[in-house]
Protein backbone atom coordinates (compact mmCIF):
# COMPACT_ATOMS: atom_id res chain seq x y z
CA UNK A 1 -47.85 139.31 40.48
CA UNK A 2 -51.36 140.73 40.05
CA UNK A 3 -51.98 144.08 38.35
CA UNK A 4 -54.29 145.12 41.17
CA UNK A 5 -54.55 144.02 44.82
CA UNK A 6 -57.79 144.90 46.56
CA UNK A 7 -58.85 145.26 50.19
CA UNK A 8 -59.66 141.98 51.89
CA UNK A 9 -63.30 140.86 52.23
CA UNK A 10 -64.65 138.30 54.67
CA UNK A 11 -66.24 136.00 52.08
CA UNK A 12 -65.68 135.63 48.35
CA UNK A 13 -68.10 133.50 46.32
CA UNK A 14 -66.94 132.19 42.92
CA UNK A 15 -69.93 131.88 40.58
CA UNK A 16 -73.39 133.37 40.99
CA UNK A 17 -76.04 130.84 40.01
CA UNK A 18 -78.55 129.26 42.38
CA UNK A 19 -76.05 128.01 44.95
CA UNK A 20 -73.93 131.16 44.93
CA UNK A 21 -77.03 133.29 45.47
CA UNK A 22 -78.23 131.08 48.32
CA UNK A 23 -74.84 131.17 50.03
CA UNK A 24 -74.65 134.97 49.58
CA UNK A 25 -78.09 135.40 51.19
CA UNK A 26 -77.25 133.12 54.09
CA UNK A 27 -73.85 134.68 54.88
CA UNK A 28 -75.00 138.30 54.53
CA UNK A 29 -77.79 137.42 56.98
CA UNK A 30 -75.04 136.19 59.31
CA UNK A 31 -73.48 139.67 59.11
CA UNK A 32 -70.58 138.73 56.85
CA UNK A 33 -69.16 141.03 54.19
CA UNK A 34 -69.80 139.00 51.02
CA UNK A 35 -68.42 139.52 47.52
CA UNK A 36 -69.71 137.39 44.63
CA UNK A 37 -67.61 137.11 41.46
CA UNK A 38 -69.34 136.01 38.24
CA UNK A 39 -67.35 135.36 35.04
CA UNK A 40 -70.24 136.30 32.74
CA UNK A 41 -72.26 139.44 32.22
CA UNK A 42 -74.89 140.91 34.50
CA UNK A 43 -78.33 139.78 33.38
CA UNK A 44 -81.80 140.03 34.83
CA UNK A 45 -85.41 139.16 34.06
CA UNK A 46 -85.70 142.66 32.66
CA UNK A 47 -84.37 143.50 30.12
CA UNK A 48 -82.76 140.11 29.29
CA UNK A 49 -86.05 138.22 29.48
CA UNK A 50 -88.42 140.99 28.39
CA UNK A 51 -91.53 140.10 26.36
CA UNK A 52 -91.90 139.66 23.41
CA UNK A 53 -88.31 139.52 22.21
CA UNK A 54 -87.41 136.75 24.66
CA UNK A 55 -89.75 134.34 22.83
CA UNK A 56 -87.14 133.76 20.12
CA UNK A 57 -86.02 130.16 19.64
CA UNK A 58 -83.36 131.10 17.08
CA UNK A 59 -81.59 133.57 19.38
CA UNK A 60 -81.93 131.78 22.71
CA UNK A 61 -81.76 128.07 21.86
CA UNK A 62 -80.14 127.69 18.46
CA UNK A 63 -77.63 130.54 18.93
CA UNK A 64 -77.17 129.89 22.67
CA UNK A 65 -77.67 133.42 24.03
CA UNK A 66 -77.72 132.36 27.70
CA UNK A 67 -75.16 129.55 27.40
CA UNK A 68 -71.40 129.49 27.73
CA UNK A 69 -69.39 131.08 24.90
CA UNK A 70 -67.25 128.14 23.84
CA UNK A 71 -64.94 130.34 21.74
CA UNK A 72 -63.51 131.81 24.97
CA UNK A 73 -63.37 128.75 27.17
CA UNK A 74 -64.42 125.17 26.78
CA UNK A 75 -63.41 121.65 27.82
CA UNK A 76 -62.21 118.56 26.02
CA UNK A 77 -63.77 115.11 25.71
CA UNK A 78 -62.69 111.55 25.11
CA UNK A 79 -64.42 108.24 25.67
CA UNK A 80 -61.62 106.29 27.35
CA UNK A 81 -58.29 106.72 29.13
CA UNK A 82 -56.26 105.82 26.06
CA UNK A 83 -58.11 108.18 23.73
CA UNK A 84 -57.25 111.68 22.56
CA UNK A 85 -59.53 114.39 23.90
CA UNK A 86 -60.73 117.16 21.62
CA UNK A 87 -62.45 120.46 22.49
CA UNK A 88 -66.23 120.79 22.82
CA UNK A 89 -66.68 123.55 20.24
CA UNK A 90 -70.46 123.74 19.76
CA UNK A 91 -73.30 123.48 22.28
CA UNK A 92 -74.83 120.05 21.82
CA UNK A 93 -75.35 117.32 24.39
CA UNK A 94 -75.49 119.76 27.32
CA UNK A 95 -75.82 123.49 27.86
CA UNK A 96 -73.60 125.10 30.50
CA UNK A 97 -74.86 128.47 31.60
CA UNK A 98 -72.96 131.68 32.02
CA UNK A 99 -73.66 135.12 33.41
CA UNK A 100 -75.46 136.20 36.57
CA UNK A 101 -77.98 133.53 37.53
CA UNK A 102 -76.03 130.87 35.61
CA UNK A 103 -78.05 127.84 34.58
CA UNK A 104 -80.63 128.92 37.18
CA UNK A 105 -81.84 131.60 34.78
CA UNK A 106 -82.52 129.26 31.85
CA UNK A 107 -83.49 126.00 33.60
CA UNK A 108 -86.95 124.49 33.10
CA UNK A 109 -88.21 124.48 36.69
CA UNK A 110 -88.13 120.72 37.34
CA UNK A 111 -87.85 120.65 41.12
CA UNK A 112 -87.22 117.39 42.95
CA UNK A 113 -85.81 116.28 46.27
CA UNK A 114 -83.73 113.06 46.28
CA UNK A 115 -84.53 109.48 47.22
CA UNK A 116 -83.25 108.55 50.71
CA UNK A 117 -81.50 105.44 49.37
CA UNK A 118 -79.58 107.52 46.81
CA UNK A 119 -77.95 109.48 49.67
CA UNK A 120 -76.55 106.19 50.98
CA UNK A 121 -76.44 104.20 47.76
CA UNK A 122 -73.54 101.89 48.49
CA UNK A 123 -74.70 101.10 52.02
CA UNK A 124 -78.25 100.49 50.81
CA UNK A 125 -77.28 98.07 48.02
CA UNK A 126 -74.83 96.23 50.28
CA UNK A 127 -77.54 95.74 52.89
CA UNK A 128 -80.32 94.67 50.48
CA UNK A 129 -78.43 92.72 47.81
CA UNK A 130 -75.08 91.84 49.34
CA UNK A 131 -71.58 93.28 48.90
CA UNK A 132 -70.95 91.44 45.61
CA UNK A 133 -73.92 93.04 43.82
CA UNK A 134 -72.19 96.32 42.93
CA UNK A 135 -69.72 95.40 40.16
CA UNK A 136 -66.00 96.07 40.33
CA UNK A 137 -65.10 99.43 38.89
CA UNK A 138 -68.43 101.02 39.84
CA UNK A 139 -67.38 103.53 42.51
CA UNK A 140 -70.70 104.34 44.13
CA UNK A 141 -70.48 105.79 47.61
CA UNK A 142 -72.62 107.54 50.23
CA UNK A 143 -73.12 111.30 50.53
CA UNK A 144 -72.46 111.30 54.28
CA UNK A 145 -75.68 113.15 55.06
CA UNK A 146 -79.13 111.66 55.61
CA UNK A 147 -82.50 112.52 54.13
CA UNK A 148 -83.76 113.37 57.61
CA UNK A 149 -80.94 115.90 58.08
CA UNK A 150 -81.73 117.52 54.75
CA UNK A 151 -85.54 117.49 55.00
CA UNK A 152 -85.88 120.95 56.66
CA UNK A 153 -83.70 122.39 53.93
CA UNK A 154 -85.73 120.72 51.16
CA UNK A 155 -88.82 122.28 52.70
CA UNK A 156 -87.25 125.76 52.87
CA UNK A 157 -85.95 125.54 49.30
CA UNK A 158 -89.47 124.79 48.08
CA UNK A 159 -90.75 127.87 49.90
CA UNK A 160 -87.98 130.07 48.51
CA UNK A 161 -88.54 128.72 44.98
CA UNK A 162 -92.35 128.92 45.21
CA UNK A 163 -92.63 125.28 44.24
CA UNK A 164 -96.00 124.00 43.02
CA UNK A 165 -96.93 120.43 43.85
CA UNK A 166 -99.13 118.05 45.77
CA UNK A 167 -97.90 116.07 48.78
CA UNK A 168 -98.64 112.43 49.43
CA UNK A 169 -97.67 112.20 53.09
CA UNK A 170 -97.10 115.05 55.63
CA UNK A 171 -95.94 114.28 59.18
CA UNK A 172 -96.62 110.61 58.51
CA UNK A 173 -100.25 111.07 57.40
CA UNK A 174 -101.49 110.53 53.84
CA UNK A 175 -102.85 113.90 52.74
CA UNK A 176 -103.11 113.91 48.94
CA UNK A 177 -102.51 112.27 45.59
CA UNK A 178 -98.80 113.06 45.41
CA UNK A 179 -95.89 110.69 44.89
CA UNK A 180 -96.78 107.39 46.58
CA UNK A 181 -93.06 106.59 47.00
CA UNK A 182 -92.00 109.93 48.50
CA UNK A 183 -90.91 109.92 52.18
CA UNK A 184 -93.01 111.83 54.67
CA UNK A 185 -92.69 115.60 54.43
CA UNK A 186 -92.73 118.20 57.19
CA UNK A 187 -95.07 120.47 55.22
CA UNK A 188 -97.02 120.84 51.98
CA UNK A 189 -95.51 122.40 48.89
CA UNK A 190 -95.42 126.19 48.81
CA UNK A 191 -98.14 126.31 46.15
CA UNK A 192 -100.87 123.96 44.88
CA UNK A 193 -99.96 121.92 41.78
CA UNK A 194 -100.17 123.46 38.34
CA UNK A 195 -103.04 122.58 36.02
CA UNK A 196 -102.43 119.31 34.16
CA UNK A 197 -102.04 119.74 30.37
CA UNK A 198 -104.00 117.42 28.09
CA UNK A 199 -101.07 115.23 27.06
CA UNK A 200 -99.99 114.78 30.68
CA UNK A 201 -103.60 113.89 31.52
CA UNK A 202 -103.49 111.13 28.89
CA UNK A 203 -100.22 109.86 30.42
CA UNK A 204 -101.73 109.95 33.94
CA UNK A 205 -104.79 107.97 32.85
CA UNK A 206 -102.77 105.34 30.99
CA UNK A 207 -100.19 104.91 33.77
CA UNK A 208 -102.97 104.31 36.31
CA UNK A 209 -104.62 101.78 33.96
CA UNK A 210 -101.45 99.67 33.84
CA UNK A 211 -101.09 99.69 37.64
CA UNK A 212 -98.47 102.41 38.17
CA UNK A 213 -98.65 105.36 40.58
CA UNK A 214 -98.83 108.60 38.53
CA UNK A 215 -98.74 111.99 40.23
CA UNK A 216 -98.49 115.67 39.27
CA UNK A 217 -94.78 116.50 39.22
CA UNK A 218 -93.45 119.29 41.46
CA UNK A 219 -92.33 122.36 39.55
CA UNK A 220 -90.85 125.74 40.32
CA UNK A 221 -93.28 127.32 37.90
CA UNK A 222 -95.81 129.21 40.05
CA UNK A 223 -99.41 127.97 39.94
CA UNK A 224 -100.67 131.23 41.48
CA UNK A 225 -99.33 134.58 42.75
CA UNK A 226 -96.76 134.07 45.49
CA UNK A 227 -94.44 135.96 47.88
CA UNK A 228 -91.54 133.88 49.20
CA UNK A 229 -89.87 134.09 52.67
CA UNK A 230 -87.46 136.71 51.32
CA UNK A 231 -90.36 138.94 50.21
CA UNK A 232 -89.75 138.20 46.50
CA UNK A 233 -92.82 138.03 44.26
CA UNK A 234 -93.83 135.56 41.55
CA UNK A 235 -96.73 135.66 39.08
CA UNK A 236 -98.80 132.66 37.89
CA UNK A 237 -97.43 130.73 34.92
CA UNK A 238 -99.29 131.22 31.62
CA UNK A 239 -97.97 128.02 29.93
CA UNK A 240 -96.24 129.98 27.14
CA UNK A 241 -93.91 127.06 26.35
CA UNK A 242 -90.65 129.03 26.66
CA UNK A 243 -88.93 127.84 29.87
CA UNK A 244 -85.81 125.77 29.25
CA UNK A 245 -83.22 128.01 27.60
CA UNK A 246 -85.10 131.22 28.36
CA UNK A 247 -85.49 133.78 31.14
CA UNK A 248 -89.14 133.89 32.29
CA UNK A 249 -90.67 137.24 31.25
CA UNK A 250 -93.70 136.47 33.46
CA UNK A 251 -91.74 136.15 36.76
CA UNK A 252 -93.34 132.70 37.10
CA UNK A 253 -90.29 130.42 36.90
CA UNK A 254 -88.02 130.49 39.95
CA UNK A 255 -84.56 131.92 39.32
CA UNK A 256 -81.86 133.62 41.38
CA UNK A 257 -82.98 136.89 39.76
CA UNK A 258 -86.64 136.48 40.76
CA UNK A 259 -86.40 134.66 44.09
CA UNK A 260 -83.21 135.90 45.83
CA UNK A 261 -81.63 138.95 44.16
CA UNK A 262 -84.40 141.40 45.12
CA UNK A 263 -83.60 140.62 48.77
CA UNK A 264 -79.83 140.69 48.29
CA UNK A 265 -80.02 144.15 46.73
CA UNK A 266 -81.12 145.47 50.14
CA UNK A 267 -78.04 144.04 51.89
CA UNK A 268 -75.36 146.73 52.37
CA UNK A 269 -72.78 144.00 53.08
CA UNK A 270 -73.19 142.33 49.65
CA UNK A 271 -71.49 143.13 46.35
CA UNK A 272 -71.85 141.35 42.99
CA UNK A 273 -69.12 141.84 40.37
CA UNK A 274 -69.80 140.42 36.87
CA UNK A 275 -67.13 139.94 34.19
CA UNK A 276 -64.69 138.55 36.76
CA UNK A 277 -63.14 135.30 35.55
CA UNK A 278 -61.54 133.63 38.57
CA UNK A 279 -58.27 131.94 37.65
CA UNK A 280 -57.44 130.28 40.95
CA UNK A 281 -57.92 130.08 44.67
CA UNK A 282 -54.78 131.48 46.31
CA UNK A 283 -53.13 129.43 49.08
CA UNK A 284 -50.61 130.40 51.73
CA UNK A 285 -47.17 128.80 52.00
CA UNK A 286 -48.57 125.85 53.99
CA UNK A 287 -51.09 125.06 51.17
CA UNK A 288 -53.60 124.40 53.96
CA UNK A 289 -55.27 127.82 54.02
CA UNK A 290 -56.73 130.00 51.27
CA UNK A 291 -55.85 133.68 51.19
CA UNK A 292 -58.40 134.69 48.55
CA UNK A 293 -58.68 134.42 44.77
CA UNK A 294 -57.10 135.87 41.65
CA UNK A 295 -59.32 136.87 38.74
CA UNK A 296 -59.20 138.68 35.41
CA UNK A 297 -61.57 141.65 35.22
CA UNK A 298 -63.44 143.09 32.22
CA UNK A 299 -60.45 145.26 31.29
CA UNK A 300 -58.11 142.26 31.19
CA UNK A 301 -56.38 143.25 34.43
CA UNK A 302 -55.30 140.56 36.86
CA UNK A 303 -56.82 141.24 40.26
CA UNK A 304 -55.91 139.68 43.61
CA UNK A 305 -58.91 139.62 45.94
CA UNK A 306 -57.92 138.61 49.50
CA UNK A 307 -60.63 136.89 51.55
CA UNK A 308 -61.00 134.95 54.80
CA UNK A 309 -63.44 132.39 53.38
CA UNK A 310 -63.77 131.11 49.78
CA UNK A 311 -66.95 129.47 48.44
CA UNK A 312 -66.70 127.68 45.07
CA UNK A 313 -70.17 127.69 43.50
CA UNK A 314 -69.46 127.32 39.80
CA UNK A 315 -71.47 125.21 37.34
CA UNK A 316 -71.21 121.43 37.90
CA UNK A 317 -67.75 120.27 36.75
CA UNK A 318 -66.17 123.77 36.93
CA UNK A 319 -65.57 123.42 40.67
CA UNK A 320 -63.25 120.51 39.88
CA UNK A 321 -61.38 122.67 37.35
CA UNK A 322 -61.00 125.46 39.92
CA UNK A 323 -59.68 123.02 42.54
CA UNK A 324 -57.27 121.39 40.06
CA UNK A 325 -55.70 124.64 38.82
CA UNK A 326 -55.48 125.91 42.41
CA UNK A 327 -53.89 122.85 43.98
CA UNK A 328 -56.79 122.30 46.41
CA UNK A 329 -56.92 118.56 47.10
CA UNK A 330 -55.08 115.71 45.39
CA UNK A 331 -55.94 115.14 41.68
CA UNK A 332 -57.52 111.78 40.89
CA UNK A 333 -55.42 109.14 39.15
CA UNK A 334 -57.63 106.38 37.65
CA UNK A 335 -54.70 104.03 37.05
CA UNK A 336 -53.47 104.05 40.63
CA UNK A 337 -57.03 104.67 41.89
CA UNK A 338 -55.63 107.37 44.14
CA UNK A 339 -56.53 111.03 44.66
CA UNK A 340 -59.97 112.59 44.73
CA UNK A 341 -60.36 115.81 42.71
CA UNK A 342 -62.05 114.92 39.42
CA UNK A 343 -63.25 111.50 40.63
CA UNK A 344 -66.82 110.16 40.27
CA UNK A 345 -68.11 112.22 37.34
CA UNK A 346 -71.70 111.32 36.52
CA UNK A 347 -74.24 112.30 33.86
CA UNK A 348 -77.79 111.01 33.30
CA UNK A 349 -79.37 108.55 30.89
CA UNK A 350 -82.32 109.53 28.73
CA UNK A 351 -84.77 107.76 26.45
CA UNK A 352 -87.90 109.15 24.83
CA UNK A 353 -91.18 107.53 23.78
CA UNK A 354 -93.28 109.37 21.18
CA UNK A 355 -96.86 108.48 20.27
CA UNK A 356 -98.64 109.59 17.11
CA UNK A 357 -102.43 109.91 16.92
CA UNK A 358 -105.04 110.61 14.27
CA UNK A 359 -105.22 114.21 12.99
CA UNK A 360 -108.26 115.10 15.07
CA UNK A 361 -106.57 114.40 18.43
CA UNK A 362 -105.29 117.99 18.89
CA UNK A 363 -102.76 117.60 21.70
CA UNK A 364 -101.44 121.16 21.18
CA UNK A 365 -97.79 120.48 22.17
CA UNK A 366 -96.79 124.15 21.73
CA UNK A 367 -98.47 124.85 25.11
CA UNK A 368 -96.33 124.04 28.12
CA UNK A 369 -94.59 124.87 31.37
CA UNK A 370 -91.02 123.69 31.95
CA UNK A 371 -91.36 121.63 35.10
CA UNK A 372 -95.04 120.81 34.98
CA UNK A 373 -96.46 117.43 34.03
CA UNK A 374 -97.23 113.98 35.34
CA UNK A 375 -94.55 111.53 36.54
CA UNK A 376 -94.24 107.95 37.77
CA UNK A 377 -91.60 106.77 40.22
CA UNK A 378 -92.28 103.03 40.14
CA UNK A 379 -88.95 102.32 38.38
CA UNK A 380 -86.85 104.99 40.06
CA UNK A 381 -84.20 104.33 42.71
CA UNK A 382 -84.80 101.00 44.44
CA UNK A 383 -88.61 101.04 44.21
CA UNK A 384 -88.42 97.69 42.41
CA UNK A 385 -86.43 94.54 43.06
CA UNK A 386 -83.03 94.80 41.38
CA UNK A 387 -81.95 91.36 42.57
CA UNK A 388 -82.90 89.31 39.47
CA UNK A 389 -82.21 92.22 37.09
CA UNK A 390 -78.50 92.62 37.74
CA UNK A 391 -78.14 96.36 37.43
CA UNK A 392 -77.86 99.34 39.78
CA UNK A 393 -80.06 102.45 39.65
CA UNK A 394 -83.37 103.47 38.11
CA UNK A 395 -85.33 106.13 36.28
CA UNK A 396 -88.35 108.27 36.93
CA UNK A 397 -90.49 108.83 33.85
CA UNK A 398 -92.56 111.88 33.07
CA UNK A 399 -94.76 113.50 30.49
CA UNK A 400 -94.09 117.22 30.86
CA UNK A 401 -95.23 119.16 27.81
CA UNK A 402 -92.81 122.09 27.91
CA UNK A 403 -93.53 123.50 24.47
CA UNK A 404 -92.33 121.86 21.23
CA UNK A 405 -90.15 124.30 19.22
CA UNK A 406 -90.28 124.23 15.39
CA UNK A 407 -86.54 124.73 14.72
CA UNK A 408 -85.46 122.14 17.29
CA UNK A 409 -87.56 119.59 15.49
CA UNK A 410 -91.11 118.38 15.20
CA UNK A 411 -91.74 114.67 15.92
CA UNK A 412 -92.72 112.60 12.91
CA UNK A 413 -93.53 108.85 12.73
CA UNK A 414 -91.05 106.19 11.66
CA UNK A 415 -90.84 105.90 7.88
CA UNK A 416 -91.23 109.64 7.24
CA UNK A 417 -88.84 111.01 4.53
CA UNK A 418 -86.06 113.25 5.90
CA UNK A 419 -87.03 116.13 3.58
CA UNK A 420 -89.32 117.20 0.74
CA UNK A 421 -93.11 117.02 0.31
CA UNK A 422 -93.45 113.80 2.29
CA UNK A 423 -91.70 115.31 5.30
CA UNK A 424 -93.81 118.50 5.10
CA UNK A 425 -97.00 116.46 4.95
CA UNK A 426 -95.93 114.43 8.00
CA UNK A 427 -95.14 117.60 9.96
CA UNK A 428 -98.55 119.06 9.09
CA UNK A 429 -100.35 115.86 10.03
CA UNK A 430 -98.53 115.24 13.29
CA UNK A 431 -97.48 118.53 14.93
CA UNK A 432 -100.67 118.89 16.93
CA UNK A 433 -101.33 115.16 17.32
CA UNK A 434 -98.37 113.78 19.28
CA UNK A 435 -97.61 112.90 22.88
CA UNK A 436 -94.15 112.13 24.23
CA UNK A 437 -92.62 111.22 27.58
CA UNK A 438 -89.07 110.78 28.84
CA UNK A 439 -87.32 108.10 30.92
CA UNK A 440 -84.71 110.16 32.71
CA UNK A 441 -82.38 108.07 34.82
CA UNK A 442 -79.39 107.81 37.07
CA UNK A 443 -75.97 107.21 35.55
CA UNK A 444 -73.60 105.29 37.82
CA UNK A 445 -70.05 106.44 38.62
CA UNK A 446 -67.03 104.39 37.51
CA UNK A 447 -63.32 104.32 38.13
CA UNK A 448 -62.58 105.28 34.49
CA UNK A 449 -65.02 108.21 34.32
CA UNK A 450 -63.39 111.38 35.63
CA UNK A 451 -62.09 114.84 34.81
CA UNK A 452 -58.52 116.17 34.89
CA UNK A 453 -56.49 118.95 33.24
CA UNK A 454 -55.98 118.57 29.50
CA UNK A 455 -52.28 118.33 28.53
CA UNK A 456 -52.79 120.05 25.16
CA UNK A 457 -55.53 122.66 25.05
CA UNK A 458 -55.73 125.96 26.97
CA UNK A 459 -58.32 128.72 27.38
CA UNK A 460 -58.08 132.44 26.60
CA UNK A 461 -56.10 132.98 29.81
CA UNK A 462 -53.58 130.24 29.05
CA UNK A 463 -54.99 127.83 31.64
CA UNK A 464 -55.35 124.15 30.84
CA UNK A 465 -58.89 123.12 29.87
CA UNK A 466 -60.79 120.56 31.86
CA UNK A 467 -60.68 117.13 30.20
CA UNK A 468 -63.60 114.69 30.44
CA UNK A 469 -63.00 110.97 30.20
CA UNK A 470 -66.48 109.49 30.09
CA UNK A 471 -68.66 106.93 28.32
CA UNK A 472 -71.71 104.79 28.96
CA UNK A 473 -71.28 101.42 30.67
CA UNK A 474 -73.49 98.36 30.20
CA UNK A 475 -75.19 99.01 33.56
CA UNK A 476 -76.48 102.38 32.28
CA UNK A 477 -77.81 100.88 29.05
CA UNK A 478 -79.34 97.86 30.78
CA UNK A 479 -81.16 100.02 33.31
CA UNK A 480 -82.44 102.52 30.75
CA UNK A 481 -83.64 99.80 28.35
CA UNK A 482 -85.40 97.91 31.16
CA UNK A 483 -87.33 100.94 32.40
CA UNK A 484 -88.14 102.14 28.87
CA UNK A 485 -89.48 98.70 27.99
CA UNK A 486 -91.71 98.74 31.10
CA UNK A 487 -92.98 102.21 30.19
CA UNK A 488 -94.06 101.04 26.74
CA UNK A 489 -97.09 99.55 28.47
CA UNK A 490 -98.16 103.11 29.29
CA UNK A 491 -97.64 104.21 25.70
CA UNK A 492 -99.71 101.32 24.35
CA UNK A 493 -102.49 102.03 26.87
CA UNK A 494 -102.95 105.45 25.23
CA UNK A 495 -103.91 103.57 22.03
CA UNK A 496 -101.87 105.68 19.57
CA UNK A 497 -101.66 105.12 15.82
CA UNK A 498 -97.89 104.45 16.10
CA UNK A 499 -95.05 104.62 18.64
CA UNK A 500 -91.41 105.70 18.19
CA UNK A 501 -88.83 104.83 20.86
CA UNK A 502 -85.38 106.46 21.21
CA UNK A 503 -83.23 104.38 23.54
CA UNK A 504 -79.51 103.63 23.76
CA UNK A 505 -78.14 100.32 22.53
CA UNK A 506 -75.34 98.27 24.10
CA UNK A 507 -72.05 99.56 22.73
CA UNK A 508 -73.33 103.07 22.08
CA UNK A 509 -70.94 105.88 23.00
CA UNK A 510 -71.91 109.26 24.42
CA UNK A 511 -72.81 111.32 21.34
CA UNK A 512 -72.06 114.99 22.01
CA UNK A 513 -73.98 116.27 18.98
CA UNK A 514 -77.54 115.89 20.26
CA UNK A 515 -78.93 117.43 23.42
CA UNK A 516 -79.56 114.98 26.25
CA UNK A 517 -79.37 116.71 29.64
CA UNK A 518 -77.22 119.38 31.26
CA UNK A 519 -77.13 117.48 34.54
CA UNK A 520 -73.50 116.64 35.25
CA UNK A 521 -72.44 115.80 38.78
CA UNK A 522 -69.27 115.01 40.71
CA UNK A 523 -65.64 116.02 40.57
CA UNK A 524 -65.52 117.53 44.07
CA UNK A 525 -67.52 114.84 45.85
CA UNK A 526 -68.64 115.10 49.47
CA UNK A 527 -68.36 112.20 51.91
CA UNK A 528 -67.03 110.93 55.21
CA UNK A 529 -63.74 109.44 53.99
CA UNK A 530 -61.03 111.84 52.70
CA UNK A 531 -59.55 108.99 50.64
CA UNK A 532 -62.59 108.99 48.34
CA UNK A 533 -64.06 112.48 48.80
CA UNK A 534 -62.87 116.05 48.29
CA UNK A 535 -65.23 117.61 50.83
CA UNK A 536 -66.47 116.55 54.23
CA UNK A 537 -70.19 116.19 54.98
CA UNK A 538 -70.51 119.97 55.42
CA UNK A 539 -69.01 120.61 51.94
CA UNK A 540 -65.75 121.89 53.45
CA UNK A 541 -62.44 120.97 51.77
CA UNK A 542 -60.59 118.26 53.68
CA UNK A 543 -57.30 119.88 52.66
CA UNK A 544 -57.97 123.64 52.86
CA UNK A 545 -60.37 124.28 55.72
CA UNK A 546 -61.50 127.80 54.68
CA UNK A 547 -62.64 126.60 51.25
CA UNK A 548 -66.17 125.22 50.73
CA UNK A 549 -67.82 124.06 47.48
CA UNK A 550 -71.52 123.88 46.57
CA UNK A 551 -73.54 122.73 43.54
CA UNK A 552 -73.95 119.38 41.83
CA UNK A 553 -70.17 118.90 41.77
CA UNK A 554 -70.46 117.74 45.38
CA UNK A 555 -72.70 114.76 44.49
CA UNK A 556 -70.59 111.59 44.84
CA UNK A 557 -72.98 109.72 42.50
CA UNK A 558 -75.51 110.46 39.79
CA UNK A 559 -79.18 110.56 40.78
CA UNK A 560 -82.43 109.87 38.89
CA UNK A 561 -84.11 113.24 39.46
CA UNK A 562 -82.96 116.62 38.17
CA UNK A 563 -80.29 117.97 40.55
CA UNK A 564 -81.31 121.56 41.38
CA UNK A 565 -83.47 120.76 44.42
CA UNK A 566 -80.76 118.65 46.01
CA UNK A 567 -77.98 121.12 45.15
CA UNK A 568 -79.95 123.95 46.76
CA UNK A 569 -80.81 121.95 49.91
CA UNK A 570 -77.16 120.91 50.35
CA UNK A 571 -76.16 124.57 50.06
CA UNK A 572 -78.50 125.51 52.93
CA UNK A 573 -77.09 122.52 54.88
CA UNK A 574 -73.54 123.80 54.34
CA UNK A 575 -74.51 127.42 55.10
CA UNK A 576 -76.06 126.32 58.40
CA UNK A 577 -72.79 124.61 59.39
CA UNK A 578 -70.80 127.70 58.43
CA UNK A 579 -73.11 130.03 60.36
CA UNK A 580 -73.49 127.90 63.47
CA UNK A 581 -70.08 126.22 63.69
CA UNK A 582 -67.40 127.60 61.38
CA UNK A 583 -67.84 131.36 61.95
CA UNK A 584 -67.66 130.90 65.72
CA UNK A 585 -64.45 128.88 65.44
CA UNK A 586 -62.88 128.65 61.95
CA UNK A 587 -61.46 125.12 61.72
CA UNK A 588 -61.99 121.76 60.04
CA UNK A 589 -65.57 120.83 61.00
CA UNK A 590 -64.86 117.10 60.77
CA UNK A 591 -61.74 115.58 62.31
CA UNK A 592 -59.74 113.24 60.07
């Protein structure tokens, strides 16, 4: 029994990051009464990102000011089904956000679409390489939506986010020096590309010399003043080097606070409540319809919030946790290979190549903009022949100088002492004379990589923590090592004094101590078959028709690019279906 029962609202949104803000804007425009519940505190560009105190690596990165407080709620990890999971007690390999804006407040601004073949990965590989190419146990599947269906939403997202970039092909005609591999677009980017930093220029020149197709990467860091379709304003980026992990004091990096909240504040039918930790989605006696949610407010009171429509828009894997504790959908069982909630969890692979030059090179790595840089897509997706290579997936590679931070670590050449005068001398000699780039790739989904409820550990509200069972497979290592090896040709073409390569070896386990990427996906996968997906192609629960979920949790596979652009486009795709189909006749939008 709840301490408080409130008046029913038409829509309740759980979580207020990018996808929650988009869904709130879309449904208030449709005339719905919308309530957004956010577990964290209210935060905004001002005062939370105010200059100069926001430029503080110790507070924001090392002490995790904008990240989840793991002392109040966490998750557990193990590498295999037979192992014992233990809690994730210190921010390390990834950085879940919390508070209004979620990870959208502290992201870097890397803004990508998705490759068409990744939306239909299993079908594509079956058609090109045969049905035996994808190994047993790799549970790749299709999204159930096509690139063509999503293209208008990708275009609108770029206009809302004020994305800077250069197109290659618009309406079928080659128009610029953008990504040679990108499908035709319906329009140019919202803004011209950002200026290319010196290190990215060196990468561009070297990549072209070895026969690749470099291009200026798209970024949601504004290249010039901009007003988006919602009337929200952005200022030009000043390359301060404080993007990832920080709120942008310059209003240059897209965020829910900068690009959507100013418009939502004008909507009388919208309310945002911070400090509301949603415990569960409430179901009626049939378990086929949601009646609202129950949450704990700032005063520790349990509150029942009735609603006609529930949107789960929490960070990545948290949607799976919400579904599991609520009884929405059948939990996944990897032994029986049955059930769906928690299935197909994916991460991303990462390797880094660092080049060290003579002291007079002056690459100035402290200058940077989170999403800006130069990328190559030659080894991403299926842009190269996988047939003789024997692995699935690929990696884009990019040199995006985002600002090297002194506490996080300054690159030094191999052979440098770990401390003392030798280390200091190496730091002095190399800090302004290095270039690095990343190979940032897709991680495939497997039958034994999933999330469920931990049998041992609970959070501050007594609920079972989410348990990850995840590790690298040989396919991930083989792919990452192949692409990294190919990219060494670019590094050598820059003619550095020495090169250092960080790449995973066969047999390596996921190491949670060092940051890799925050880009988890899956757990409430979308699709066309309810036996292997939690949501239908419109992101509506197969089992509870007035529950929808948005965010990267709906990806049925891992992708090569960063996920925000795809997560946002899928949210607009789902919102369109709700506005044009569901609200006129609330029902399952896809017949089973």
